[in-house]
Every structure is written in structure tokens, then in C-alpha cells.
């Protein structure tokens, strides 16, 4: 049987939520996120006790790692070839077939 991922990041419009694998590894709990803060989980510990559960802590760690990865990717230098393809063909002049 293949190993199940511990976290699955989901995005629906502006909503971000994680499916976090239960400790028994049999099903996933859904954890809602607001930026880097987990706002809710559908496990009994959070639903009945309104406590910050382990699933919420795990989802916050996963989202922090995801955001850091996205930040690092945005800092990568752009190659000269990409710059060349994105450069305007005529500089600032309008396109014209006639000289």
C-alpha cells in the first residue's frame, strides 16, 4: 500500500485549507487557514473543546514552509533568455510595417 502524504494543500478561490492525516493514518482532517494561522479543524478535540489541536499546528508548519518556498522562488534571478523573450520588439515605438 502506498504511503499517504501527511498534508494536502487545497485552494478554492481565496480559501486555503489543508487535509492533515490523522494519527491512525486512516483518514484526513480538514484544517482551515488564514494566512499562516489555522482557524479551524474538524477533529473532535477542536470541535468539542475549541482547542488548538496537533492538526492545526501541523498545518501551520506546512503553510509556513510553503510560503517560504514561494518567497525563495520569487527571488530567483531571471535569465537573459527570458528577459529577451519578454522584451518589447520595437522598444517604445509603435509597431509599423513602413519605415
PDB file of N, CA and C in Angstrom:
ATOM      1  N   UNK A   1       0.849  -1.188   0.000  1.00  0.00           N
ATOM      2  CA  UNK A   1       0.000   0.000   0.000  1.00  0.00           C
ATOM      3  C   UNK A   1       0.890   1.245   0.000  1.00  0.00           C
ATOM      4  N   UNK A   2       0.640   2.202  -0.900  1.00  0.00           N
ATOM      5  CA  UNK A   2       1.489   3.398  -0.970  1.00  0.00           C
ATOM      6  C   UNK A   2       1.322   4.267   0.282  1.00  0.00           C
ATOM      7  N   UNK A   3       2.394   4.965   0.606  1.00  0.00           N
ATOM      8  CA  UNK A   3       2.399   5.875   1.756  1.00  0.00           C
ATOM      9  C   UNK A   3       1.504   7.076   1.471  1.00  0.00           C
ATOM     10  N   UNK A   4       0.645   7.409   2.410  1.00  0.00           N
ATOM     11  CA  UNK A   4      -0.229   8.569   2.256  1.00  0.00           C
ATOM     12  C   UNK A   4       0.539   9.826   2.628  1.00  0.00           C
ATOM     13  N   UNK A   5       0.334  10.937   1.898  1.00  0.00           N
ATOM     14  CA  UNK A   5       1.002  12.188   2.285  1.00  0.00           C
ATOM     15  C   UNK A   5       0.430  12.707   3.606  1.00  0.00           C
ATOM     16  N   UNK A   6       1.286  13.332   4.410  1.00  0.00           N
ATOM     17  CA  UNK A   6       0.837  13.864   5.698  1.00  0.00           C
ATOM     18  C   UNK A   6      -0.061  15.078   5.529  1.00  0.00           C
ATOM     19  N   UNK A   7       0.200  15.880   4.500  1.00  0.00           N
ATOM     20  CA  UNK A   7      -0.578  17.096   4.260  1.00  0.00           C
ATOM     21  C   UNK A   7      -0.963  17.161   2.791  1.00  0.00           C
ATOM     22  N   UNK A   8      -2.132  17.692   2.537  1.00  0.00           N
ATOM     23  CA  UNK A   8      -2.546  18.004   1.173  1.00  0.00           C
ATOM     24  C   UNK A   8      -3.049  19.440   1.202  1.00  0.00           C
ATOM     25  N   UNK A   9      -2.375  20.324   0.463  1.00  0.00           N
ATOM     26  CA  UNK A   9      -2.762  21.736   0.429  1.00  0.00           C
ATOM     27  C   UNK A   9      -3.816  21.920  -0.648  1.00  0.00           C
ATOM     28  N   UNK A  10      -4.913  22.577  -0.291  1.00  0.00           N
ATOM     29  CA  UNK A  10      -6.019  22.815  -1.214  1.00  0.00           C
ATOM     30  C   UNK A  10      -6.320  24.307  -1.271  1.00  0.00           C
ATOM     31  N   UNK A  11      -6.645  24.792  -2.464  1.00  0.00           N
ATOM     32  CA  UNK A  11      -7.016  26.192  -2.647  1.00  0.00           C
ATOM     33  C   UNK A  11      -8.294  26.231  -3.472  1.00  0.00           C
ATOM     34  N   UNK A  12      -9.306  26.907  -2.942  1.00  0.00           N
ATOM     35  CA  UNK A  12     -10.559  27.138  -3.670  1.00  0.00           C
ATOM     36  C   UNK A  12     -10.838  28.633  -3.630  1.00  0.00           C
ATOM     37  N   UNK A  13     -10.534  29.314  -4.704  1.00  0.00           N
ATOM     38  CA  UNK A  13     -10.681  30.766  -4.716  1.00  0.00           C
ATOM     39  C   UNK A  13      -9.707  31.378  -3.731  1.00  0.00           C
ATOM     40  N   UNK A  14     -10.211  32.097  -2.740  1.00  0.00           N
ATOM     41  CA  UNK A  14      -9.336  32.699  -1.730  1.00  0.00           C
ATOM     42  C   UNK A  14      -9.192  31.816  -0.498  1.00  0.00           C
ATOM     43  N   UNK A  15      -9.926  30.716  -0.455  1.00  0.00           N
ATOM     44  CA  UNK A  15      -9.877  29.802   0.695  1.00  0.00           C
ATOM     45  C   UNK A  15      -8.694  28.848   0.557  1.00  0.00           C
ATOM     46  N   UNK A  16      -7.894  28.759   1.629  1.00  0.00           N
ATOM     47  CA  UNK A  16      -6.790  27.799   1.686  1.00  0.00           C
ATOM     48  C   UNK A  16      -7.066  26.867   2.853  1.00  0.00           C
ATOM     49  N   UNK A  17      -6.985  25.568   2.600  1.00  0.00           N
ATOM     50  CA  UNK A  17      -7.164  24.611   3.686  1.00  0.00           C
ATOM     51  C   UNK A  17      -6.274  23.403   3.444  1.00  0.00           C
ATOM     52  N   UNK A  18      -5.984  22.711   4.513  1.00  0.00           N
ATOM     53  CA  UNK A  18      -5.140  21.524   4.459  1.00  0.00           C
ATOM     54  C   UNK A  18      -5.942  20.315   4.886  1.00  0.00           C
ATOM     55  N   UNK A  19      -5.697  19.210   4.222  1.00  0.00           N
ATOM     56  CA  UNK A  19      -6.158  17.919   4.699  1.00  0.00           C
ATOM     57  C   UNK A  19      -4.958  17.299   5.406  1.00  0.00           C
ATOM     58  N   UNK A  20      -5.090  17.091   6.716  1.00  0.00           N
ATOM     59  CA  UNK A  20      -3.992  16.589   7.544  1.00  0.00           C
ATOM     60  C   UNK A  20      -4.318  15.163   7.946  1.00  0.00           C
ATOM     61  N   UNK A  21      -3.376  14.265   7.737  1.00  0.00           N
ATOM     62  CA  UNK A  21      -3.564  12.845   8.032  1.00  0.00           C
ATOM     63  C   UNK A  21      -3.722  12.632   9.533  1.00  0.00           C
ATOM     64  N   UNK A  22      -4.692  11.811   9.914  1.00  0.00           N
ATOM     65  CA  UNK A  22      -4.920  11.513  11.328  1.00  0.00           C
ATOM     66  C   UNK A  22      -3.769  10.700  11.897  1.00  0.00           C
ATOM     67  N   UNK A  23      -3.683  10.650  13.229  1.00  0.00           N
ATOM     68  CA  UNK A  23      -2.592   9.918  13.876  1.00  0.00           C
ATOM     69  C   UNK A  23      -2.672   8.418  13.596  1.00  0.00           C
ATOM     70  N   UNK A  24      -3.863   7.906  13.332  1.00  0.00           N
ATOM     71  CA  UNK A  24      -4.020   6.482  12.993  1.00  0.00           C
ATOM     72  C   UNK A  24      -3.775   6.227  11.510  1.00  0.00           C
ATOM     73  N   UNK A  25      -3.526   7.323  10.745  1.00  0.00           N
ATOM     74  CA  UNK A  25      -3.246   7.248   9.310  1.00  0.00           C
ATOM     75  C   UNK A  25      -4.371   6.589   8.517  1.00  0.00           C
ATOM     76  N   UNK A  26      -5.606   6.780   8.981  1.00  0.00           N
ATOM     77  CA  UNK A  26      -6.729   6.154   8.289  1.00  0.00           C
ATOM     78  C   UNK A  26      -7.599   7.154   7.534  1.00  0.00           C
ATOM     79  N   UNK A  27      -7.565   8.431   7.926  1.00  0.00           N
ATOM     80  CA  UNK A  27      -8.369   9.443   7.247  1.00  0.00           C
ATOM     81  C   UNK A  27      -7.736  10.806   7.470  1.00  0.00           C
ATOM     82  N   UNK A  28      -8.305  11.821   6.808  1.00  0.00           N
ATOM     83  CA  UNK A  28      -7.782  13.182   6.883  1.00  0.00           C
ATOM     84  C   UNK A  28      -8.756  14.096   7.625  1.00  0.00           C
ATOM     85  N   UNK A  29      -8.182  15.036   8.387  1.00  0.00           N
ATOM     86  CA  UNK A  29      -8.951  16.120   8.989  1.00  0.00           C
ATOM     87  C   UNK A  29      -8.727  17.369   8.146  1.00  0.00           C
ATOM     88  N   UNK A  30      -9.757  18.178   8.003  1.00  0.00           N
ATOM     89  CA  UNK A  30      -9.651  19.416   7.246  1.00  0.00           C
ATOM     90  C   UNK A  30      -9.344  20.563   8.198  1.00  0.00           C
ATOM     91  N   UNK A  31      -8.273  21.308   7.887  1.00  0.00           N
ATOM     92  CA  UNK A  31      -7.851  22.453   8.706  1.00  0.00           C
ATOM     93  C   UNK A  31      -7.927  23.702   7.831  1.00  0.00           C
ATOM     94  N   UNK A  32      -8.739  24.672   8.244  1.00  0.00           N
ATOM     95  CA  UNK A  32      -8.865  25.939   7.518  1.00  0.00           C
ATOM     96  C   UNK A  32      -7.741  26.874   7.928  1.00  0.00           C
ATOM     97  N   UNK A  33      -7.231  27.629   6.941  1.00  0.00           N
ATOM     98  CA  UNK A  33      -6.112  28.532   7.170  1.00  0.00           C
ATOM     99  C   UNK A  33      -6.513  29.968   6.848  1.00  0.00           C
ATOM    100  N   UNK A  34      -5.900  30.903   7.566  1.00  0.00           N
ATOM    101  CA  UNK A  34      -5.983  32.328   7.272  1.00  0.00           C
ATOM    102  C   UNK A  34      -4.551  32.830   7.350  1.00  0.00           C
ATOM    103  N   UNK A  35      -3.948  33.045   6.188  1.00  0.00           N
ATOM    104  CA  UNK A  35      -2.520  33.333   6.073  1.00  0.00           C
ATOM    105  C   UNK A  35      -1.728  32.185   6.702  1.00  0.00           C
ATOM    106  N   UNK A  36      -0.991  32.439   7.761  1.00  0.00           N
ATOM    107  CA  UNK A  36      -0.189  31.385   8.400  1.00  0.00           C
ATOM    108  C   UNK A  36      -0.858  30.840   9.651  1.00  0.00           C
ATOM    109  N   UNK A  37      -2.101  31.213   9.914  1.00  0.00           N
ATOM    110  CA  UNK A  37      -2.799  30.824  11.128  1.00  0.00           C
ATOM    111  C   UNK A  37      -3.922  29.841  10.809  1.00  0.00           C
ATOM    112  N   UNK A  38      -3.929  28.724  11.521  1.00  0.00           N
ATOM    113  CA  UNK A  38      -5.020  27.760  11.383  1.00  0.00           C
ATOM    114  C   UNK A  38      -6.215  28.276  12.171  1.00  0.00           C
ATOM    115  N   UNK A  39      -7.374  28.350  11.529  1.00  0.00           N
ATOM    116  CA  UNK A  39      -8.557  28.912  12.187  1.00  0.00           C
ATOM    117  C   UNK A  39      -9.567  27.862  12.607  1.00  0.00           C
ATOM    118  N   UNK A  40      -9.447  26.646  12.100  1.00  0.00           N
ATOM    119  CA  UNK A  40     -10.397  25.614  12.486  1.00  0.00           C
ATOM    120  C   UNK A  40      -9.982  24.247  11.997  1.00  0.00           C
ATOM    121  N   UNK A  41     -10.454  23.232  12.712  1.00  0.00           N
ATOM    122  CA  UNK A  41     -10.182  21.838  12.349  1.00  0.00           C
ATOM    123  C   UNK A  41     -11.449  21.049  12.626  1.00  0.00           C
ATOM    124  N   UNK A  42     -11.697  20.010  11.846  1.00  0.00           N
ATOM    125  CA  UNK A  42     -12.913  19.237  12.066  1.00  0.00           C
ATOM    126  C   UNK A  42     -12.704  18.008  12.944  1.00  0.00           C
ATOM    127  N   UNK A  43     -11.604  17.972  13.718  1.00  0.00           N
ATOM    128  CA  UNK A  43     -11.397  16.869  14.666  1.00  0.00           C
ATOM    129  C   UNK A  43     -12.207  17.134  15.940  1.00  0.00           C
ATOM    130  N   UNK A  44     -12.459  16.084  16.715  1.00  0.00           N
ATOM    131  CA  UNK A  44     -13.262  16.214  17.934  1.00  0.00           C
ATOM    132  C   UNK A  44     -12.625  17.141  18.958  1.00  0.00           C
ATOM    133  N   UNK A  45     -11.310  17.119  19.074  1.00  0.00           N
ATOM    134  CA  UNK A  45     -10.616  17.950  20.059  1.00  0.00           C
ATOM    135  C   UNK A  45     -10.888  19.432  19.817  1.00  0.00           C
ATOM    136  N   UNK A  46     -10.889  19.838  18.556  1.00  0.00           N
ATOM    137  CA  UNK A  46     -11.147  21.250  18.256  1.00  0.00           C
ATOM    138  C   UNK A  46     -12.641  21.552  18.258  1.00  0.00           C
ATOM    139  N   UNK A  47     -13.450  20.680  17.674  1.00  0.00           N
ATOM    140  CA  UNK A  47     -14.884  20.950  17.554  1.00  0.00           C
ATOM    141  C   UNK A  47     -15.541  21.011  18.929  1.00  0.00           C
ATOM    142  N   UNK A  48     -15.224  20.043  19.795  1.00  0.00           N
ATOM    143  CA  UNK A  48     -15.871  19.996  21.117  1.00  0.00           C
ATOM    144  C   UNK A  48     -15.174  20.884  22.137  1.00  0.00           C
ATOM    145  N   UNK A  49     -13.841  20.905  22.093  1.00  0.00           N
ATOM    146  CA  UNK A  49     -13.114  21.635  23.125  1.00  0.00           C
ATOM    147  C   UNK A  49     -12.602  22.989  22.705  1.00  0.00           C
ATOM    148  N   UNK A  50     -12.737  23.336  21.421  1.00  0.00           N
ATOM    149  CA  UNK A  50     -12.234  24.597  20.867  1.00  0.00           C
ATOM    150  C   UNK A  50     -10.759  24.812  21.217  1.00  0.00           C
ATOM    151  N   UNK A  51      -9.996  23.731  21.151  1.00  0.00           N
ATOM    152  CA  UNK A  51      -8.566  23.788  21.464  1.00  0.00           C
ATOM    153  C   UNK A  51      -7.748  23.783  20.180  1.00  0.00           C
ATOM    154  N   UNK A  52      -6.556  24.344  20.279  1.00  0.00           N
ATOM    155  CA  UNK A  52      -5.611  24.326  19.161  1.00  0.00           C
ATOM    156  C   UNK A  52      -4.996  22.922  19.111  1.00  0.00           C
ATOM    157  N   UNK A  53      -5.421  22.104  18.144  1.00  0.00           N
ATOM    158  CA  UNK A  53      -5.004  20.697  18.088  1.00  0.00           C
ATOM    159  C   UNK A  53      -3.704  20.520  17.311  1.00  0.00           C
ATOM    160  N   UNK A  54      -3.182  19.305  17.351  1.00  0.00           N
ATOM    161  CA  UNK A  54      -1.942  18.981  16.630  1.00  0.00           C
ATOM    162  C   UNK A  54      -2.110  19.141  15.119  1.00  0.00           C
ATOM    163  N   UNK A  55      -3.306  18.877  14.615  1.00  0.00           N
ATOM    164  CA  UNK A  55      -3.545  19.010  13.175  1.00  0.00           C
ATOM    165  C   UNK A  55      -3.375  20.461  12.743  1.00  0.00           C
ATOM    166  N   UNK A  56      -3.837  21.372  13.592  1.00  0.00           N
ATOM    167  CA  UNK A  56      -3.715  22.800  13.288  1.00  0.00           C
ATOM    168  C   UNK A  56      -2.249  23.230  13.325  1.00  0.00           C
ATOM    169  N   UNK A  57      -1.503  22.734  14.304  1.00  0.00           N
ATOM    170  CA  UNK A  57      -0.076  23.044  14.404  1.00  0.00           C
ATOM    171  C   UNK A  57       0.676  22.514  13.190  1.00  0.00           C
ATOM    172  N   UNK A  58       0.349  21.285  12.779  1.00  0.00           N
ATOM    173  CA  UNK A  58       0.999  20.691  11.601  1.00  0.00           C
ATOM    174  C   UNK A  58       0.676  21.475  10.333  1.00  0.00           C
ATOM    175  N   UNK A  59      -0.568  21.902  10.187  1.00  0.00           N
ATOM    176  CA  UNK A  59      -0.969  22.672   9.003  1.00  0.00           C
ATOM    177  C   UNK A  59      -0.277  24.034   8.984  1.00  0.00           C
ATOM    178  N   UNK A  60      -0.123  24.669  10.149  1.00  0.00           N
ATOM    179  CA  UNK A  60       0.580  25.953  10.211  1.00  0.00           C
ATOM    180  C   UNK A  60       2.040  25.794   9.803  1.00  0.00           C
ATOM    181  N   UNK A  61       2.665  24.710  10.247  1.00  0.00           N
ATOM    182  CA  UNK A  61       4.058  24.447   9.858  1.00  0.00           C
ATOM    183  C   UNK A  61       4.170  24.206   8.359  1.00  0.00           C
ATOM    184  N   UNK A  62       3.234  23.447   7.815  1.00  0.00           N
ATOM    185  CA  UNK A  62       3.244  23.152   6.377  1.00  0.00           C
ATOM    186  C   UNK A  62       3.035  24.420   5.561  1.00  0.00           C
ATOM    187  N   UNK A  63       2.125  25.293   6.000  1.00  0.00           N
ATOM    188  CA  UNK A  63       1.864  26.532   5.267  1.00  0.00           C
ATOM    189  C   UNK A  63       3.062  27.472   5.361  1.00  0.00           C
ATOM    190  N   UNK A  64       3.721  27.528   6.524  1.00  0.00           N
ATOM    191  CA  UNK A  64       4.914  28.366   6.672  1.00  0.00           C
ATOM    192  C   UNK A  64       6.014  27.887   5.725  1.00  0.00           C
ATOM    193  N   UNK A  65       6.188  26.571   5.611  1.00  0.00           N
ATOM    194  CA  UNK A  65       7.182  26.014   4.691  1.00  0.00           C
ATOM    195  C   UNK A  65       6.807  26.323   3.246  1.00  0.00           C
ATOM    196  N   UNK A  66       5.524  26.217   2.915  1.00  0.00           N
ATOM    197  CA  UNK A  66       5.062  26.525   1.558  1.00  0.00           C
ATOM    198  C   UNK A  66       5.312  27.991   1.225  1.00  0.00           C
ATOM    199  N   UNK A  67       4.963  28.896   2.151  1.00  0.00           N
ATOM    200  CA  UNK A  67       5.169  30.326   1.910  1.00  0.00           C
ATOM    201  C   UNK A  67       6.649  30.653   1.754  1.00  0.00           C
ATOM    202  N   UNK A  68       7.512  30.004   2.547  1.00  0.00           N
ATOM    203  CA  UNK A  68       8.948  30.241   2.445  1.00  0.00           C
ATOM    204  C   UNK A  68       9.464  29.777   1.082  1.00  0.00           C
ATOM    205  N   UNK A  69       8.976  28.644   0.609  1.00  0.00           N
ATOM    206  CA  UNK A  69       9.365  28.131  -0.703  1.00  0.00           C
ATOM    207  C   UNK A  69       8.936  29.105  -1.803  1.00  0.00           C
ATOM    208  N   UNK A  70       7.716  29.632  -1.701  1.00  0.00           N
ATOM    209  CA  UNK A  70       7.233  30.581  -2.694  1.00  0.00           C
ATOM    210  C   UNK A  70       8.063  31.858  -2.671  1.00  0.00           C
ATOM    211  N   UNK A  71       8.454  32.297  -1.483  1.00  0.00           N
ATOM    212  CA  UNK A  71       9.277  33.503  -1.350  1.00  0.00           C
ATOM    213  C   UNK A  71      10.647  33.274  -1.982  1.00  0.00           C
ATOM    214  N   UNK A  72      11.232  32.095  -1.748  1.00  0.00           N
ATOM    215  CA  UNK A  72      12.544  31.782  -2.321  1.00  0.00           C
ATOM    216  C   UNK A  72      12.479  31.689  -3.835  1.00  0.00           C
ATOM    217  N   UNK A  73      11.380  31.164  -4.380  1.00  0.00           N
ATOM    218  CA  UNK A  73      11.237  31.064  -5.833  1.00  0.00           C
ATOM    219  C   UNK A  73      11.115  32.439  -6.471  1.00  0.00           C
ATOM    220  N   UNK A  74      10.480  33.369  -5.778  1.00  0.00           N
ATOM    221  CA  UNK A  74      10.311  34.709  -6.349  1.00  0.00           C
ATOM    222  C   UNK A  74      11.625  35.483  -6.380  1.00  0.00           C
ATOM    223  N   UNK A  75      12.611  35.044  -5.597  1.00  0.00           N
ATOM    224  CA  UNK A  75      13.902  35.722  -5.562  1.00  0.00           C
ATOM    225  C   UNK A  75      14.908  35.165  -6.564  1.00  0.00           C
ATOM    226  N   UNK A  76      14.536  34.125  -7.302  1.00  0.00           N
ATOM    227  CA  UNK A  76      15.461  33.545  -8.270  1.00  0.00           C
ATOM    228  C   UNK A  76      15.757  34.550  -9.376  1.00  0.00           C
ATOM    229  N   UNK A  77      16.997  34.629  -9.835  1.00  0.00           N
ATOM    230  CA  UNK A  77      17.319  35.571 -10.911  1.00  0.00           C
ATOM    231  C   UNK A  77      16.674  35.130 -12.230  1.00  0.00           C
ATOM    232  N   UNK A  78      16.321  36.115 -13.038  1.00  0.00           N
ATOM    233  CA  UNK A  78      15.721  35.849 -14.348  1.00  0.00           C
ATOM    234  C   UNK A  78      16.844  35.771 -15.369  1.00  0.00           C
ATOM    235  N   UNK A  79      16.824  34.714 -16.178  1.00  0.00           N
ATOM    236  CA  UNK A  79      17.897  34.523 -17.154  1.00  0.00           C
ATOM    237  C   UNK A  79      17.781  35.543 -18.285  1.00  0.00           C
ATOM    238  N   UNK A  80      18.892  35.755 -18.996  1.00  0.00           N
ATOM    239  CA  UNK A  80      18.903  36.696 -20.118  1.00  0.00           C
ATOM    240  C   UNK A  80      17.955  36.251 -21.226  1.00  0.00           C
ATOM    241  N   UNK A  81      17.810  34.939 -21.412  1.00  0.00           N
ATOM    242  CA  UNK A  81      16.926  34.438 -22.457  1.00  0.00           C
ATOM    243  C   UNK A  81      15.476  34.797 -22.160  1.00  0.00           C
ATOM    244  N   UNK A  82      15.065  34.677 -20.909  1.00  0.00           N
ATOM    245  CA  UNK A  82      13.693  35.041 -20.537  1.00  0.00           C
ATOM    246  C   UNK A  82      13.499  36.536 -20.723  1.00  0.00           C
ATOM    247  N   UNK A  83      14.471  37.340 -20.320  1.00  0.00           N
ATOM    248  CA  UNK A  83      14.370  38.783 -20.493  1.00  0.00           C
ATOM    249  C   UNK A  83      14.228  39.140 -21.968  1.00  0.00           C
ATOM    250  N   UNK A  84      14.975  38.440 -22.824  1.00  0.00           N
ATOM    251  CA  UNK A  84      14.936  38.713 -24.246  1.00  0.00           C
ATOM    252  C   UNK A  84      13.559  38.402 -24.819  1.00  0.00           C
ATOM    253  N   UNK A  85      12.940  37.296 -24.374  1.00  0.00           N
ATOM    254  CA  UNK A  85      11.622  36.922 -24.885  1.00  0.00           C
ATOM    255  C   UNK A  85      10.528  37.854 -24.395  1.00  0.00           C
ATOM    256  N   UNK A  86      10.727  38.463 -23.245  1.00  0.00           N
ATOM    257  CA  UNK A  86       9.712  39.354 -22.702  1.00  0.00           C
ATOM    258  C   UNK A  86       9.933  40.805 -23.106  1.00  0.00           C
ATOM    259  N   UNK A  87      11.028  41.095 -23.788  1.00  0.00           N
ATOM    260  CA  UNK A  87      11.332  42.475 -24.178  1.00  0.00           C
ATOM    261  C   UNK A  87      10.430  42.908 -25.328  1.00  0.00           C
ATOM    262  N   UNK A  88      10.049  44.188 -25.363  1.00  0.00           N
ATOM    263  CA  UNK A  88       9.252  44.673 -26.487  1.00  0.00           C
ATOM    264  C   UNK A  88      10.078  44.644 -27.772  1.00  0.00           C
ATOM    265  N   UNK A  89       9.430  44.353 -28.901  1.00  0.00           N
ATOM    266  CA  UNK A  89      10.140  44.212 -30.168  1.00  0.00           C
ATOM    267  C   UNK A  89      10.658  45.548 -30.698  1.00  0.00           C
ATOM    268  N   UNK A  90       9.896  46.588 -30.537  1.00  0.00           N
ATOM    269  CA  UNK A  90      10.255  47.896 -31.094  1.00  0.00           C
ATOM    270  C   UNK A  90      10.640  48.900 -30.021  1.00  0.00           C
ATOM    271  N   UNK A  91      11.039  48.451 -28.899  1.00  0.00           N
ATOM    272  CA  UNK A  91      11.340  49.401 -27.835  1.00  0.00           C
ATOM    273  C   UNK A  91      10.072  50.091 -27.405  1.00  0.00           C
ATOM    274  N   UNK A  92      10.071  51.410 -27.412  1.00  0.00           N
ATOM    275  CA  UNK A  92       8.880  52.170 -27.014  1.00  0.00           C
ATOM    276  C   UNK A  92       8.082  52.674 -28.210  1.00  0.00           C
ATOM    277  N   UNK A  93       8.580  52.432 -29.445  1.00  0.00           N
ATOM    278  CA  UNK A  93       7.874  52.891 -30.637  1.00  0.00           C
ATOM    279  C   UNK A  93       6.688  51.986 -30.946  1.00  0.00           C
ATOM    280  N   UNK A  94       5.688  52.556 -31.595  1.00  0.00           N
ATOM    281  CA  UNK A  94       4.542  51.774 -32.030  1.00  0.00           C
ATOM    282  C   UNK A  94       4.942  50.888 -33.208  1.00  0.00           C
ATOM    283  N   UNK A  95       4.229  49.797 -33.387  1.00  0.00           N
ATOM    284  CA  UNK A  95       4.533  48.876 -34.485  1.00  0.00           C
ATOM    285  C   UNK A  95       4.166  49.510 -35.822  1.00  0.00           C
ATOM    286  N   UNK A  96       5.027  49.327 -36.813  1.00  0.00           N
ATOM    287  CA  UNK A  96       4.768  49.859 -38.149  1.00  0.00           C
ATOM    288  C   UNK A  96       5.499  48.989 -39.169  1.00  0.00           C
ATOM    289  N   UNK A  97       4.800  48.649 -40.276  1.00  0.00           N
ATOM    290  CA  UNK A  97       5.423  47.891 -41.351  1.00  0.00           C
ATOM    291  C   UNK A  97       6.239  48.828 -42.266  1.00  0.00           C
ATOM    292  N   UNK A  98       5.878  50.090 -42.277  1.00  0.00           N
ATOM    293  CA  UNK A  98       6.572  51.067 -43.125  1.00  0.00           C
ATOM    294  C   UNK A  98       7.669  51.741 -42.332  1.00  0.00           C
ATOM    295  N   UNK A  99       8.739  52.102 -43.012  1.00  0.00           N
ATOM    296  CA  UNK A  99       9.840  52.786 -42.317  1.00  0.00           C
ATOM    297  C   UNK A  99       9.645  54.245 -42.296  1.00  0.00           C
TER     298      UNK A  99
END
